[in-house]
Amino acid sequence: QVQVVESGGGLVQPGGSLGLSCAASGSIVSVLLMGWYRQAPGKQRELVATITREGTTNYADSVKGRFTISRDNAKNTVALQMNSLKPEDTAVYYCNANVRPSYLTFFISAWGQGTQVTVSS
């Protein structure tokens, strides 16, 4: 079984920082693209940032210059460092990993359970 688990959410004041982490585990052969998405109340889920195995990153315009995504291929982990947080960053943040399990011949898109980030004074 493949598992994707996030951690690090919480309450932070505007202008503050918060770090999220995510680990993919289980019977995994390979992990390709990993990323973070978020969903605010009443809104659709949106892309925050992605990162390839080679380290190529892609960010939503709304977080460029404030958020940094990174990964450790050896550990199948991905992190999101969030700085200069704004109230509009408040959302449930989800980790995504494109994984080939040992028992499949194709990749699947695996999601974590989500972690709440609240930016408020």
C-alpha atoms as a PDB file:
ATOM      1  CA  GLN A   1       0.000   0.000   0.000  1.00  0.00           C
ATOM      2  CA  VAL A   2       1.164   3.508  -0.816  1.00  0.00           C
ATOM      3  CA  GLN A   3       0.744   6.226   1.781  1.00  0.00           C
ATOM      4  CA  VAL A   4       1.182   9.985   1.500  1.00  0.00           C
ATOM      5  CA  VAL A   5       1.191  11.884   4.785  1.00  0.00           C
ATOM      6  CA  GLU A   6       1.526  15.635   5.422  1.00  0.00           C
ATOM      7  CA  SER A   7       2.500  17.416   8.600  1.00  0.00           C
ATOM      8  CA  GLY A   8       3.351  20.896   9.830  1.00  0.00           C
ATOM      9  CA  GLY A   9       0.123  22.834   9.503  1.00  0.00           C
ATOM     10  CA  GLY A  10      -1.099  25.246  12.125  1.00  0.00           C
ATOM     11  CA  LEU A  11      -2.006  28.803  13.028  1.00  0.00           C
ATOM     12  CA  VAL A  12       0.344  31.646  12.153  1.00  0.00           C
ATOM     13  CA  GLN A  13       0.098  35.437  12.117  1.00  0.00           C
ATOM     14  CA  PRO A  14       0.251  37.446   8.889  1.00  0.00           C
ATOM     15  CA  GLY A  15       3.863  37.914   7.855  1.00  0.00           C
ATOM     16  CA  GLY A  16       4.922  34.773   9.661  1.00  0.00           C
ATOM     17  CA  SER A  17       6.415  31.544   8.388  1.00  0.00           C
ATOM     18  CA  LEU A  18       5.449  27.906   8.433  1.00  0.00           C
ATOM     19  CA  GLY A  19       7.006  24.740   7.052  1.00  0.00           C
ATOM     20  CA  LEU A  20       5.094  21.759   5.717  1.00  0.00           C
ATOM     21  CA  SER A  21       6.471  18.295   5.057  1.00  0.00           C
ATOM     22  CA  CYS A  22       5.214  15.226   3.262  1.00  0.00           C
ATOM     23  CA  ALA A  23       6.411  11.658   2.899  1.00  0.00           C
ATOM     24  CA  ALA A  24       5.401   9.000   0.398  1.00  0.00           C
ATOM     25  CA  SER A  25       5.916   5.478   1.665  1.00  0.00           C
ATOM     26  CA  GLY A  26       5.007   1.873   0.952  1.00  0.00           C
ATOM     27  CA  SER A  27       5.775  -0.462  -1.916  1.00  0.00           C
ATOM     28  CA  ILE A  28       7.107   2.230  -4.238  1.00  0.00           C
ATOM     29  CA  VAL A  29       9.221   1.654  -7.320  1.00  0.00           C
ATOM     30  CA  SER A  30       9.518   5.262  -8.447  1.00  0.00           C
ATOM     31  CA  VAL A  31       8.236   8.742  -7.582  1.00  0.00           C
ATOM     32  CA  LEU A  32       8.086  11.346 -10.309  1.00  0.00           C
ATOM     33  CA  LEU A  33       6.471  14.769  -9.885  1.00  0.00           C
ATOM     34  CA  MET A  34       5.614  15.853  -6.352  1.00  0.00           C
ATOM     35  CA  GLY A  35       3.743  18.939  -5.341  1.00  0.00           C
ATOM     36  CA  TRP A  36       1.508  20.902  -3.038  1.00  0.00           C
ATOM     37  CA  TYR A  37      -2.065  21.999  -3.644  1.00  0.00           C
ATOM     38  CA  ARG A  38      -4.480  23.917  -1.464  1.00  0.00           C
ATOM     39  CA  GLN A  39      -8.205  24.384  -1.087  1.00  0.00           C
ATOM     40  CA  ALA A  40      -9.863  27.265   0.719  1.00  0.00           C
ATOM     41  CA  PRO A  41     -13.505  27.152   1.872  1.00  0.00           C
ATOM     42  CA  GLY A  42     -15.854  27.667  -1.059  1.00  0.00           C
ATOM     43  CA  LYS A  43     -13.062  27.448  -3.618  1.00  0.00           C
ATOM     44  CA  GLN A  44     -11.657  24.768  -5.892  1.00  0.00           C
ATOM     45  CA  ARG A  45      -8.370  23.056  -5.218  1.00  0.00           C
ATOM     46  CA  GLU A  46      -5.469  24.920  -6.801  1.00  0.00           C
ATOM     47  CA  LEU A  47      -1.830  24.235  -7.520  1.00  0.00           C
ATOM     48  CA  VAL A  48       0.680  25.821  -5.162  1.00  0.00           C
ATOM     49  CA  ALA A  49       4.003  24.375  -6.304  1.00  0.00           C
ATOM     50  CA  THR A  50       5.487  21.311  -7.975  1.00  0.00           C
ATOM     51  CA  ILE A  51       8.983  19.881  -8.224  1.00  0.00           C
ATOM     52  CA  THR A  52      10.484  17.236 -10.500  1.00  0.00           C
ATOM     53  CA  ARG A  53      13.021  14.603  -9.529  1.00  0.00           C
ATOM     54  CA  GLU A  54      15.667  16.785 -11.149  1.00  0.00           C
ATOM     55  CA  GLY A  55      14.708  19.776  -9.021  1.00  0.00           C
ATOM     56  CA  THR A  56      12.788  21.850 -11.560  1.00  0.00           C
ATOM     57  CA  THR A  57      10.151  23.886  -9.752  1.00  0.00           C
ATOM     58  CA  ASN A  58       6.895  25.528 -10.720  1.00  0.00           C
ATOM     59  CA  TYR A  59       4.963  27.973  -8.537  1.00  0.00           C
ATOM     60  CA  ALA A  60       1.605  29.630  -8.631  1.00  0.00           C
ATOM     61  CA  ASP A  61       1.956  33.352  -9.268  1.00  0.00           C
ATOM     62  CA  SER A  62       0.343  34.099  -5.926  1.00  0.00           C
ATOM     63  CA  VAL A  63       3.153  32.418  -3.965  1.00  0.00           C
ATOM     64  CA  LYS A  64       6.238  33.197  -6.056  1.00  0.00           C
ATOM     65  CA  GLY A  65       8.970  34.764  -3.981  1.00  0.00           C
ATOM     66  CA  ARG A  66       7.334  33.684  -0.730  1.00  0.00           C
ATOM     67  CA  PHE A  67       7.155  29.876  -0.863  1.00  0.00           C
ATOM     68  CA  THR A  68       9.927  27.387  -1.572  1.00  0.00           C
ATOM     69  CA  ILE A  69       9.409  23.745  -2.493  1.00  0.00           C
ATOM     70  CA  SER A  70      12.125  21.130  -2.076  1.00  0.00           C
ATOM     71  CA  ARG A  71      12.443  17.340  -2.091  1.00  0.00           C
ATOM     72  CA  ASP A  72      14.674  14.486  -1.052  1.00  0.00           C
ATOM     73  CA  ASN A  73      14.559  11.719  -3.637  1.00  0.00           C
ATOM     74  CA  ALA A  74      16.281   9.208  -1.374  1.00  0.00           C
ATOM     75  CA  LYS A  75      13.583   9.614   1.271  1.00  0.00           C
ATOM     76  CA  ASN A  76      10.610  10.286  -1.045  1.00  0.00           C
ATOM     77  CA  THR A  77       9.813  13.449   0.842  1.00  0.00           C
ATOM     78  CA  VAL A  78       8.777  16.921  -0.245  1.00  0.00           C
ATOM     79  CA  ALA A  79       8.630  20.113   1.794  1.00  0.00           C
ATOM     80  CA  LEU A  80       7.072  23.535   1.444  1.00  0.00           C
ATOM     81  CA  GLN A  81       8.581  26.497   3.251  1.00  0.00           C
ATOM     82  CA  MET A  82       6.057  29.325   3.466  1.00  0.00           C
ATOM     83  CA  ASN A  83       7.241  32.831   4.327  1.00  0.00           C
ATOM     84  CA  SER A  84       5.500  36.209   4.464  1.00  0.00           C
ATOM     85  CA  LEU A  85       2.179  34.473   4.899  1.00  0.00           C
ATOM     86  CA  LYS A  86      -1.033  36.306   4.094  1.00  0.00           C
ATOM     87  CA  PRO A  87      -4.616  35.686   5.241  1.00  0.00           C
ATOM     88  CA  GLU A  88      -5.466  34.569   1.707  1.00  0.00           C
ATOM     89  CA  ASP A  89      -3.022  31.673   2.135  1.00  0.00           C
ATOM     90  CA  THR A  90      -5.465  30.121   4.600  1.00  0.00           C
ATOM     91  CA  ALA A  91      -6.483  26.727   3.245  1.00  0.00           C
ATOM     92  CA  VAL A  92      -6.128  23.002   3.609  1.00  0.00           C
ATOM     93  CA  TYR A  93      -2.835  22.065   2.003  1.00  0.00           C
ATOM     94  CA  TYR A  94      -2.554  18.712   0.230  1.00  0.00           C
ATOM     95  CA  CYS A  95       0.552  16.832  -0.805  1.00  0.00           C
ATOM     96  CA  ASN A  96       0.558  15.046  -4.156  1.00  0.00           C
ATOM     97  CA  ALA A  97       2.956  12.430  -5.461  1.00  0.00           C
ATOM     98  CA  ASN A  98       2.970  10.619  -8.783  1.00  0.00           C
ATOM     99  CA  VAL A  99       3.980   7.136  -7.773  1.00  0.00           C
ATOM    100  CA  ARG A 100       4.544   3.794  -9.428  1.00  0.00           C
ATOM    101  CA  PRO A 101       3.720   1.109  -6.869  1.00  0.00           C
ATOM    102  CA  SER A 102       5.470  -2.233  -7.088  1.00  0.00           C
ATOM    103  CA  TYR A 103       2.169  -3.978  -7.835  1.00  0.00           C
ATOM    104  CA  LEU A 104       1.207  -1.780 -10.802  1.00  0.00           C
ATOM    105  CA  THR A 105       2.713  -1.201 -14.234  1.00  0.00           C
ATOM    106  CA  PHE A 106       1.629   2.431 -14.359  1.00  0.00           C
ATOM    107  CA  PHE A 107       1.820   5.543 -12.194  1.00  0.00           C
ATOM    108  CA  ILE A 108      -0.911   6.776  -9.920  1.00  0.00           C
ATOM    109  CA  SER A 109      -1.561  10.193  -8.457  1.00  0.00           C
ATOM    110  CA  ALA A 110      -1.535   9.787  -4.681  1.00  0.00           C
ATOM    111  CA  TRP A 111      -2.866  12.402  -2.261  1.00  0.00           C
ATOM    112  CA  GLY A 112      -2.312  13.047   1.393  1.00  0.00           C
ATOM    113  CA  GLN A 113      -5.098  13.696   3.872  1.00  0.00           C
ATOM    114  CA  GLY A 114      -4.452  17.437   4.023  1.00  0.00           C
ATOM    115  CA  THR A 115      -3.185  19.757   6.729  1.00  0.00           C
ATOM    116  CA  GLN A 116      -4.840  23.002   7.811  1.00  0.00           C
ATOM    117  CA  VAL A 117      -2.945  26.275   7.506  1.00  0.00           C
ATOM    118  CA  THR A 118      -4.618  29.302   9.049  1.00  0.00           C
ATOM    119  CA  VAL A 119      -3.133  32.793   8.723  1.00  0.00           C
ATOM    120  CA  SER A 120      -4.837  35.184  11.094  1.00  0.00           C
ATOM    121  CA  SER A 121      -4.089  37.839  13.680  1.00  0.00           C
END
